[in-house]
Amino acid sequence: MKDRTTQEGGCQCGRVRYEATYDPENAYLCHCRMCQRATGGVSIAFLSLAKDNFTWKSEPEWYASSSFAKRPFCQECGTPLGFQFDEGRNMDLAIGTLDDPYGIEPQWHFGVERMHEAWLDTTHLPRKRADEDETLLAKWRESNGGMPE
């Protein structure tokens, strides 16, 4: 890996934490039906990396999503953290769980037989900022002082 990056990440509530060293060129979107059901989305952004380049700082729970693979998650907040075959040297990390997921770009699509094409290019849709929604901002200010990072 020529452009390896190391950073930490974790779940929404912060109970599960990890450190990962990865090559941003191994980022992809998975559209398979299992990932759609596991995340509730039409796809998930993953980074493929060697298990040797990954350390759990605090352990997640695991769901056996098939007879040959499992998925780490946080039982407190429900954040899906990745995917891992029982056998093999690599794993997939959910990009959105990185502390700084910005700047990573997908390099390929996987599970394209279940791809929802209408959700790929959405540049024609109007855009709305969450931090400009006064009702939402008031709720965040009241509950914890401001918008979450």
Foldseek 3Di string as FASTA:
>chain_A
DVDWDKAKFADPVPQKIKIFIADLQQKAKEQAPLQCVLQVHRIFIKGKDFPVRMDIPHAFDWDCSDPFKIWGAHPVPGGTFWIDGPDDGMTIGGLVGTPDSPPRDHNYYHNCVSHDVVPPDPVVDDDDDPQVPVVSQVVCCVPPNGDDD
